[in-house]
């Protein structure tokens, strides 16, 4: 149900969506077990980076993934895009 995550920026949002769905359908009493399972689905260099953090919940982990693996767009980038579309 939860696909592996290898640290690819293009896959992070799909991984987050899959895990969010899993947390929506699971019994709340089993959330800590599911979180441990999700951590086992991390592979490659991402596993090393995550092992050095002290994340205890899916929400904390999700924020970490978004901050680390999603592309950051600056204000200059958005301004440039706005001027290009004119």
PDB file of N, CA and C in Angstrom:
ATOM      1  N   UNK A   1       0.817  -1.190   0.000  1.00  0.00           N
ATOM      2  CA  UNK A   1       0.000   0.000   0.000  1.00  0.00           C
ATOM      3  C   UNK A   1       0.871   1.269   0.000  1.00  0.00           C
ATOM      4  N   UNK A   2       1.957   1.268   0.742  1.00  0.00           N
ATOM      5  CA  UNK A   2       2.867   2.415   0.765  1.00  0.00           C
ATOM      6  C   UNK A   2       4.073   2.056  -0.095  1.00  0.00           C
ATOM      7  N   UNK A   3       4.238   2.806  -1.163  1.00  0.00           N
ATOM      8  CA  UNK A   3       5.354   2.545  -2.073  1.00  0.00           C
ATOM      9  C   UNK A   3       6.659   3.020  -1.452  1.00  0.00           C
ATOM     10  N   UNK A   4       7.780   2.420  -1.820  1.00  0.00           N
ATOM     11  CA  UNK A   4       9.068   2.858  -1.282  1.00  0.00           C
ATOM     12  C   UNK A   4       9.431   4.267  -1.753  1.00  0.00           C
ATOM     13  N   UNK A   5      10.193   4.968  -0.946  1.00  0.00           N
ATOM     14  CA  UNK A   5      10.681   6.298  -1.298  1.00  0.00           C
ATOM     15  C   UNK A   5      12.196   6.251  -1.306  1.00  0.00           C
ATOM     16  N   UNK A   6      12.803   6.636  -2.430  1.00  0.00           N
ATOM     17  CA  UNK A   6      14.242   6.552  -2.600  1.00  0.00           C
ATOM     18  C   UNK A   6      14.931   7.912  -2.569  1.00  0.00           C
ATOM     19  N   UNK A   7      14.187   8.961  -2.235  1.00  0.00           N
ATOM     20  CA  UNK A   7      14.792  10.281  -2.149  1.00  0.00           C
ATOM     21  C   UNK A   7      14.681  11.107  -3.407  1.00  0.00           C
ATOM     22  N   UNK A   8      13.915  10.629  -4.384  1.00  0.00           N
ATOM     23  CA  UNK A   8      13.729  11.377  -5.625  1.00  0.00           C
ATOM     24  C   UNK A   8      12.734  12.515  -5.382  1.00  0.00           C
ATOM     25  N   UNK A   9      13.139  13.723  -5.745  1.00  0.00           N
ATOM     26  CA  UNK A   9      12.266  14.880  -5.535  1.00  0.00           C
ATOM     27  C   UNK A   9      10.940  14.750  -6.272  1.00  0.00           C
ATOM     28  N   UNK A  10      10.970  14.115  -7.425  1.00  0.00           N
ATOM     29  CA  UNK A  10       9.731  13.998  -8.207  1.00  0.00           C
ATOM     30  C   UNK A  10       8.747  13.008  -7.582  1.00  0.00           C
ATOM     31  N   UNK A  11       9.211  12.162  -6.670  1.00  0.00           N
ATOM     32  CA  UNK A  11       8.352  11.145  -6.066  1.00  0.00           C
ATOM     33  C   UNK A  11       7.848  11.501  -4.683  1.00  0.00           C
ATOM     34  N   UNK A  12       8.351  12.570  -4.083  1.00  0.00           N
ATOM     35  CA  UNK A  12       8.032  12.855  -2.689  1.00  0.00           C
ATOM     36  C   UNK A  12       6.546  13.160  -2.480  1.00  0.00           C
ATOM     37  N   UNK A  13       5.927  13.912  -3.366  1.00  0.00           N
ATOM     38  CA  UNK A  13       4.512  14.253  -3.172  1.00  0.00           C
ATOM     39  C   UNK A  13       3.609  13.034  -3.331  1.00  0.00           C
ATOM     40  N   UNK A  14       3.958  12.137  -4.242  1.00  0.00           N
ATOM     41  CA  UNK A  14       3.191  10.894  -4.395  1.00  0.00           C
ATOM     42  C   UNK A  14       3.344  10.021  -3.155  1.00  0.00           C
ATOM     43  N   UNK A  15       4.551   9.947  -2.619  1.00  0.00           N
ATOM     44  CA  UNK A  15       4.790   9.167  -1.402  1.00  0.00           C
ATOM     45  C   UNK A  15       3.971   9.738  -0.246  1.00  0.00           C
ATOM     46  N   UNK A  16       3.996  11.047  -0.086  1.00  0.00           N
ATOM     47  CA  UNK A  16       3.236  11.694   0.992  1.00  0.00           C
ATOM     48  C   UNK A  16       1.742  11.418   0.830  1.00  0.00           C
ATOM     49  N   UNK A  17       1.232  11.500  -0.383  1.00  0.00           N
ATOM     50  CA  UNK A  17      -0.189  11.236  -0.628  1.00  0.00           C
ATOM     51  C   UNK A  17      -0.539   9.791  -0.285  1.00  0.00           C
ATOM     52  N   UNK A  18       0.320   8.851  -0.650  1.00  0.00           N
ATOM     53  CA  UNK A  18       0.064   7.442  -0.327  1.00  0.00           C
ATOM     54  C   UNK A  18       0.016   7.218   1.175  1.00  0.00           C
ATOM     55  N   UNK A  19       0.959   7.806   1.883  1.00  0.00           N
ATOM     56  CA  UNK A  19       0.998   7.620   3.337  1.00  0.00           C
ATOM     57  C   UNK A  19      -0.183   8.325   3.995  1.00  0.00           C
ATOM     58  N   UNK A  20      -0.538   9.511   3.523  1.00  0.00           N
ATOM     59  CA  UNK A  20      -1.725  10.199   4.056  1.00  0.00           C
ATOM     60  C   UNK A  20      -2.957   9.319   3.919  1.00  0.00           C
ATOM     61  N   UNK A  21      -3.107   8.688   2.769  1.00  0.00           N
ATOM     62  CA  UNK A  21      -4.250   7.802   2.543  1.00  0.00           C
ATOM     63  C   UNK A  21      -4.227   6.635   3.514  1.00  0.00           C
ATOM     64  N   UNK A  22      -3.066   6.062   3.726  1.00  0.00           N
ATOM     65  CA  UNK A  22      -2.945   4.946   4.668  1.00  0.00           C
ATOM     66  C   UNK A  22      -3.338   5.380   6.078  1.00  0.00           C
ATOM     67  N   UNK A  23      -2.926   6.573   6.487  1.00  0.00           N
ATOM     68  CA  UNK A  23      -3.287   7.052   7.818  1.00  0.00           C
ATOM     69  C   UNK A  23      -4.778   7.359   7.932  1.00  0.00           C
ATOM     70  N   UNK A  24      -5.421   7.710   6.839  1.00  0.00           N
ATOM     71  CA  UNK A  24      -6.852   7.992   6.868  1.00  0.00           C
ATOM     72  C   UNK A  24      -7.678   6.728   7.094  1.00  0.00           C
ATOM     73  N   UNK A  25      -7.209   5.614   6.580  1.00  0.00           N
ATOM     74  CA  UNK A  25      -8.013   4.378   6.650  1.00  0.00           C
ATOM     75  C   UNK A  25      -7.649   3.469   7.819  1.00  0.00           C
ATOM     76  N   UNK A  26      -6.560   3.757   8.496  1.00  0.00           N
ATOM     77  CA  UNK A  26      -6.129   2.879   9.588  1.00  0.00           C
ATOM     78  C   UNK A  26      -6.792   3.271  10.900  1.00  0.00           C
ATOM     79  N   UNK A  27      -6.961   2.298  11.755  1.00  0.00           N
ATOM     80  CA  UNK A  27      -7.483   2.535  13.096  1.00  0.00           C
ATOM     81  C   UNK A  27      -6.488   3.421  13.847  1.00  0.00           C
ATOM     82  N   UNK A  28      -6.941   4.504  14.462  1.00  0.00           N
ATOM     83  CA  UNK A  28      -6.023   5.419  15.155  1.00  0.00           C
ATOM     84  C   UNK A  28      -5.138   4.737  16.196  1.00  0.00           C
ATOM     85  N   UNK A  29      -5.579   3.628  16.740  1.00  0.00           N
ATOM     86  CA  UNK A  29      -4.768   2.909  17.727  1.00  0.00           C
ATOM     87  C   UNK A  29      -3.513   2.304  17.102  1.00  0.00           C
ATOM     88  N   UNK A  30      -3.519   2.136  15.771  1.00  0.00           N
ATOM     89  CA  UNK A  30      -2.391   1.514  15.077  1.00  0.00           C
ATOM     90  C   UNK A  30      -1.487   2.511  14.350  1.00  0.00           C
ATOM     91  N   UNK A  31      -1.671   3.798  14.612  1.00  0.00           N
ATOM     92  CA  UNK A  31      -0.896   4.815  13.902  1.00  0.00           C
ATOM     93  C   UNK A  31       0.606   4.717  14.170  1.00  0.00           C
ATOM     94  N   UNK A  32       0.991   4.410  15.387  1.00  0.00           N
ATOM     95  CA  UNK A  32       2.429   4.320  15.677  1.00  0.00           C
ATOM     96  C   UNK A  32       3.053   3.143  14.939  1.00  0.00           C
ATOM     97  N   UNK A  33       2.324   2.052  14.799  1.00  0.00           N
ATOM     98  CA  UNK A  33       2.823   0.896  14.052  1.00  0.00           C
ATOM     99  C   UNK A  33       2.942   1.236  12.569  1.00  0.00           C
ATOM    100  N   UNK A  34       1.944   1.924  12.033  1.00  0.00           N
ATOM    101  CA  UNK A  34       2.001   2.330  10.631  1.00  0.00           C
ATOM    102  C   UNK A  34       3.170   3.283  10.404  1.00  0.00           C
ATOM    103  N   UNK A  35       3.403   4.201  11.324  1.00  0.00           N
ATOM    104  CA  UNK A  35       4.517   5.134  11.183  1.00  0.00           C
ATOM    105  C   UNK A  35       5.845   4.377  11.127  1.00  0.00           C
ATOM    106  N   UNK A  36       6.009   3.381  11.975  1.00  0.00           N
ATOM    107  CA  UNK A  36       7.233   2.570  11.947  1.00  0.00           C
ATOM    108  C   UNK A  36       7.371   1.854  10.608  1.00  0.00           C
ATOM    109  N   UNK A  37       6.253   1.358  10.072  1.00  0.00           N
ATOM    110  CA  UNK A  37       6.272   0.701   8.772  1.00  0.00           C
ATOM    111  C   UNK A  37       6.670   1.693   7.679  1.00  0.00           C
ATOM    112  N   UNK A  38       6.116   2.897   7.731  1.00  0.00           N
ATOM    113  CA  UNK A  38       6.440   3.933   6.738  1.00  0.00           C
ATOM    114  C   UNK A  38       7.943   4.206   6.745  1.00  0.00           C
ATOM    115  N   UNK A  39       8.527   4.269   7.909  1.00  0.00           N
ATOM    116  CA  UNK A  39       9.973   4.511   8.002  1.00  0.00           C
ATOM    117  C   UNK A  39      10.770   3.404   7.327  1.00  0.00           C
ATOM    118  N   UNK A  40      10.247   2.185   7.325  1.00  0.00           N
ATOM    119  CA  UNK A  40      10.960   1.087   6.662  1.00  0.00           C
ATOM    120  C   UNK A  40      10.874   1.195   5.151  1.00  0.00           C
ATOM    121  N   UNK A  41       9.969   2.008   4.622  1.00  0.00           N
ATOM    122  CA  UNK A  41       9.794   2.172   3.185  1.00  0.00           C
ATOM    123  C   UNK A  41      10.744   3.210   2.602  1.00  0.00           C
ATOM    124  N   UNK A  42      11.585   3.800   3.435  1.00  0.00           N
ATOM    125  CA  UNK A  42      12.565   4.785   2.995  1.00  0.00           C
ATOM    126  C   UNK A  42      13.848   4.043   2.636  1.00  0.00           C
ATOM    127  N   UNK A  43      14.382   4.322   1.464  1.00  0.00           N
ATOM    128  CA  UNK A  43      15.579   3.633   0.989  1.00  0.00           C
ATOM    129  C   UNK A  43      16.662   4.619   0.596  1.00  0.00           C
ATOM    130  N   UNK A  44      17.862   4.105   0.397  1.00  0.00           N
ATOM    131  CA  UNK A  44      18.969   4.891  -0.137  1.00  0.00           C
ATOM    132  C   UNK A  44      19.494   5.927   0.837  1.00  0.00           C
ATOM    133  N   UNK A  45      20.007   7.011   0.267  1.00  0.00           N
ATOM    134  CA  UNK A  45      20.588   8.083   1.071  1.00  0.00           C
ATOM    135  C   UNK A  45      19.555   8.745   1.970  1.00  0.00           C
ATOM    136  N   UNK A  46      18.304   8.701   1.562  1.00  0.00           N
ATOM    137  CA  UNK A  46      17.236   9.292   2.366  1.00  0.00           C
ATOM    138  C   UNK A  46      17.152   8.611   3.722  1.00  0.00           C
ATOM    139  N   UNK A  47      17.356   7.314   3.731  1.00  0.00           N
ATOM    140  CA  UNK A  47      17.290   6.551   4.986  1.00  0.00           C
ATOM    141  C   UNK A  47      18.352   7.045   5.968  1.00  0.00           C
ATOM    142  N   UNK A  48      19.536   7.328   5.472  1.00  0.00           N
ATOM    143  CA  UNK A  48      20.607   7.829   6.318  1.00  0.00           C
ATOM    144  C   UNK A  48      20.255   9.204   6.882  1.00  0.00           C
ATOM    145  N   UNK A  49      19.726  10.071   6.037  1.00  0.00           N
ATOM    146  CA  UNK A  49      19.356  11.423   6.480  1.00  0.00           C
ATOM    147  C   UNK A  49      18.251  11.367   7.529  1.00  0.00           C
ATOM    148  N   UNK A  50      17.286  10.502   7.324  1.00  0.00           N
ATOM    149  CA  UNK A  50      16.153  10.412   8.243  1.00  0.00           C
ATOM    150  C   UNK A  50      16.563   9.750   9.552  1.00  0.00           C
ATOM    151  N   UNK A  51      17.494   8.820   9.493  1.00  0.00           N
ATOM    152  CA  UNK A  51      17.956   8.138  10.704  1.00  0.00           C
ATOM    153  C   UNK A  51      18.592   9.115  11.685  1.00  0.00           C
ATOM    154  N   UNK A  52      19.098  10.224  11.186  1.00  0.00           N
ATOM    155  CA  UNK A  52      19.757  11.207  12.043  1.00  0.00           C
ATOM    156  C   UNK A  52      18.784  12.213  12.654  1.00  0.00           C
ATOM    157  N   UNK A  53      17.520  12.103  12.295  1.00  0.00           N
ATOM    158  CA  UNK A  53      16.509  13.006  12.854  1.00  0.00           C
ATOM    159  C   UNK A  53      15.797  12.320  14.007  1.00  0.00           C
ATOM    160  N   UNK A  54      15.057  13.084  14.751  1.00  0.00           N
ATOM    161  CA  UNK A  54      14.319  12.545  15.891  1.00  0.00           C
ATOM    162  C   UNK A  54      12.826  12.778  15.673  1.00  0.00           C
ATOM    163  N   UNK A  55      12.313  12.275  14.571  1.00  0.00           N
ATOM    164  CA  UNK A  55      10.912  12.477  14.221  1.00  0.00           C
ATOM    165  C   UNK A  55      10.072  11.350  14.820  1.00  0.00           C
ATOM    166  N   UNK A  56       8.962  11.721  15.461  1.00  0.00           N
ATOM    167  CA  UNK A  56       8.178  10.721  16.163  1.00  0.00           C
ATOM    168  C   UNK A  56       6.773  10.538  15.619  1.00  0.00           C
ATOM    169  N   UNK A  57       6.310  11.428  14.740  1.00  0.00           N
ATOM    170  CA  UNK A  57       4.954  11.296  14.190  1.00  0.00           C
ATOM    171  C   UNK A  57       4.998  11.482  12.683  1.00  0.00           C
ATOM    172  N   UNK A  58       3.931  11.056  12.028  1.00  0.00           N
ATOM    173  CA  UNK A  58       3.835  11.212  10.588  1.00  0.00           C
ATOM    174  C   UNK A  58       3.811  12.691  10.207  1.00  0.00           C
ATOM    175  N   UNK A  59       3.131  13.507  10.970  1.00  0.00           N
ATOM    176  CA  UNK A  59       3.048  14.940  10.652  1.00  0.00           C
ATOM    177  C   UNK A  59       4.437  15.583  10.679  1.00  0.00           C
ATOM    178  N   UNK A  60       5.245  15.244  11.677  1.00  0.00           N
ATOM    179  CA  UNK A  60       6.608  15.768  11.738  1.00  0.00           C
ATOM    180  C   UNK A  60       7.431  15.272  10.553  1.00  0.00           C
ATOM    181  N   UNK A  61       7.272  13.995  10.254  1.00  0.00           N
ATOM    182  CA  UNK A  61       8.021  13.387   9.163  1.00  0.00           C
ATOM    183  C   UNK A  61       7.597  13.979   7.819  1.00  0.00           C
ATOM    184  N   UNK A  62       6.302  14.213   7.657  1.00  0.00           N
ATOM    185  CA  UNK A  62       5.795  14.801   6.415  1.00  0.00           C
ATOM    186  C   UNK A  62       6.382  16.196   6.203  1.00  0.00           C
ATOM    187  N   UNK A  63       6.437  16.994   7.250  1.00  0.00           N
ATOM    188  CA  UNK A  63       7.033  18.330   7.147  1.00  0.00           C
ATOM    189  C   UNK A  63       8.513  18.235   6.791  1.00  0.00           C
ATOM    190  N   UNK A  64       9.209  17.274   7.391  1.00  0.00           N
ATOM    191  CA  UNK A  64      10.617  17.061   7.076  1.00  0.00           C
ATOM    192  C   UNK A  64      10.787  16.733   5.596  1.00  0.00           C
ATOM    193  N   UNK A  65       9.956  15.827   5.076  1.00  0.00           N
ATOM    194  CA  UNK A  65      10.038  15.448   3.664  1.00  0.00           C
ATOM    195  C   UNK A  65       9.767  16.640   2.760  1.00  0.00           C
ATOM    196  N   UNK A  66       8.734  17.406   3.078  1.00  0.00           N
ATOM    197  CA  UNK A  66       8.397  18.574   2.256  1.00  0.00           C
ATOM    198  C   UNK A  66       9.535  19.596   2.268  1.00  0.00           C
ATOM    199  N   UNK A  67      10.093  19.845   3.442  1.00  0.00           N
ATOM    200  CA  UNK A  67      11.166  20.834   3.549  1.00  0.00           C
ATOM    201  C   UNK A  67      12.455  20.358   2.890  1.00  0.00           C
ATOM    202  N   UNK A  68      12.689  19.065   2.892  1.00  0.00           N
ATOM    203  CA  UNK A  68      13.945  18.528   2.391  1.00  0.00           C
ATOM    204  C   UNK A  68      13.894  18.182   0.909  1.00  0.00           C
ATOM    205  N   UNK A  69      12.763  17.641   0.438  1.00  0.00           N
ATOM    206  CA  UNK A  69      12.732  17.069  -0.903  1.00  0.00           C
ATOM    207  C   UNK A  69      11.855  17.801  -1.911  1.00  0.00           C
ATOM    208  N   UNK A  70      11.067  18.764  -1.489  1.00  0.00           N
ATOM    209  CA  UNK A  70      10.289  19.503  -2.479  1.00  0.00           C
ATOM    210  C   UNK A  70      11.088  20.691  -2.963  1.00  0.00           C
ATOM    211  N   UNK A  71      10.793  21.073  -4.167  1.00  0.00           N
ATOM    212  CA  UNK A  71      11.515  22.172  -4.794  1.00  0.00           C
ATOM    213  C   UNK A  71      11.060  23.492  -4.201  1.00  0.00           C
ATOM    214  N   UNK A  72      12.013  24.295  -3.806  1.00  0.00           N
ATOM    215  CA  UNK A  72      11.711  25.605  -3.235  1.00  0.00           C
ATOM    216  C   UNK A  72      11.721  26.647  -4.342  1.00  0.00           C
ATOM    217  N   UNK A  73      10.704  27.434  -4.410  1.00  0.00           N
ATOM    218  CA  UNK A  73      10.608  28.501  -5.409  1.00  0.00           C
ATOM    219  C   UNK A  73      10.724  29.839  -4.702  1.00  0.00           C
ATOM    220  N   UNK A  74      11.618  30.677  -5.188  1.00  0.00           N
ATOM    221  CA  UNK A  74      11.829  31.987  -4.577  1.00  0.00           C
ATOM    222  C   UNK A  74      10.830  32.995  -5.129  1.00  0.00           C
ATOM    223  N   UNK A  75      10.764  34.141  -4.475  1.00  0.00           N
ATOM    224  CA  UNK A  75       9.910  35.229  -4.940  1.00  0.00           C
ATOM    225  C   UNK A  75      10.353  35.698  -6.318  1.00  0.00           C
ATOM    226  N   UNK A  76      11.660  35.718  -6.549  1.00  0.00           N
ATOM    227  CA  UNK A  76      12.181  36.107  -7.860  1.00  0.00           C
ATOM    228  C   UNK A  76      11.705  35.148  -8.951  1.00  0.00           C
ATOM    229  N   UNK A  77      11.681  33.872  -8.641  1.00  0.00           N
ATOM    230  CA  UNK A  77      11.215  32.882  -9.608  1.00  0.00           C
ATOM    231  C   UNK A  77       9.762  33.163  -9.996  1.00  0.00           C
ATOM    232  N   UNK A  78       8.926  33.400  -8.991  1.00  0.00           N
ATOM    233  CA  UNK A  78       7.507  33.651  -9.273  1.00  0.00           C
ATOM    234  C   UNK A  78       7.311  34.962 -10.036  1.00  0.00           C
ATOM    235  N   UNK A  79       8.065  35.973  -9.709  1.00  0.00           N
ATOM    236  CA  UNK A  79       7.985  37.246 -10.424  1.00  0.00           C
ATOM    237  C   UNK A  79       8.399  37.042 -11.880  1.00  0.00           C
ATOM    238  N   UNK A  80       9.460  36.282 -12.094  1.00  0.00           N
ATOM    239  CA  UNK A  80       9.921  35.997 -13.438  1.00  0.00           C
ATOM    240  C   UNK A  80       8.847  35.238 -14.229  1.00  0.00           C
ATOM    241  N   UNK A  81       8.233  34.270 -13.614  1.00  0.00           N
ATOM    242  CA  UNK A  81       7.162  33.502 -14.277  1.00  0.00           C
ATOM    243  C   UNK A  81       5.997  34.415 -14.646  1.00  0.00           C
ATOM    244  N   UNK A  82       5.679  35.346 -13.769  1.00  0.00           N
ATOM    245  CA  UNK A  82       4.588  36.286 -14.025  1.00  0.00           C
ATOM    246  C   UNK A  82       4.904  37.164 -15.238  1.00  0.00           C
ATOM    247  N   UNK A  83       6.129  37.661 -15.308  1.00  0.00           N
ATOM    248  CA  UNK A  83       6.509  38.515 -16.425  1.00  0.00           C
ATOM    249  C   UNK A  83       6.597  37.726 -17.728  1.00  0.00           C
ATOM    250  N   UNK A  84       6.996  36.490 -17.662  1.00  0.00           N
ATOM    251  CA  UNK A  84       7.100  35.650 -18.857  1.00  0.00           C
ATOM    252  C   UNK A  84       5.714  35.371 -19.457  1.00  0.00           C
ATOM    253  N   UNK A  85       4.716  35.187 -18.594  1.00  0.00           N
ATOM    254  CA  UNK A  85       3.379  34.853 -19.092  1.00  0.00           C
ATOM    255  C   UNK A  85       2.657  36.031 -19.712  1.00  0.00           C
ATOM    256  N   UNK A  86       3.135  37.251 -19.503  1.00  0.00           N
ATOM    257  CA  UNK A  86       2.509  38.426 -20.109  1.00  0.00           C
ATOM    258  C   UNK A  86       2.607  38.395 -21.553  1.00  0.00           C
TER     259      UNK A  86
END
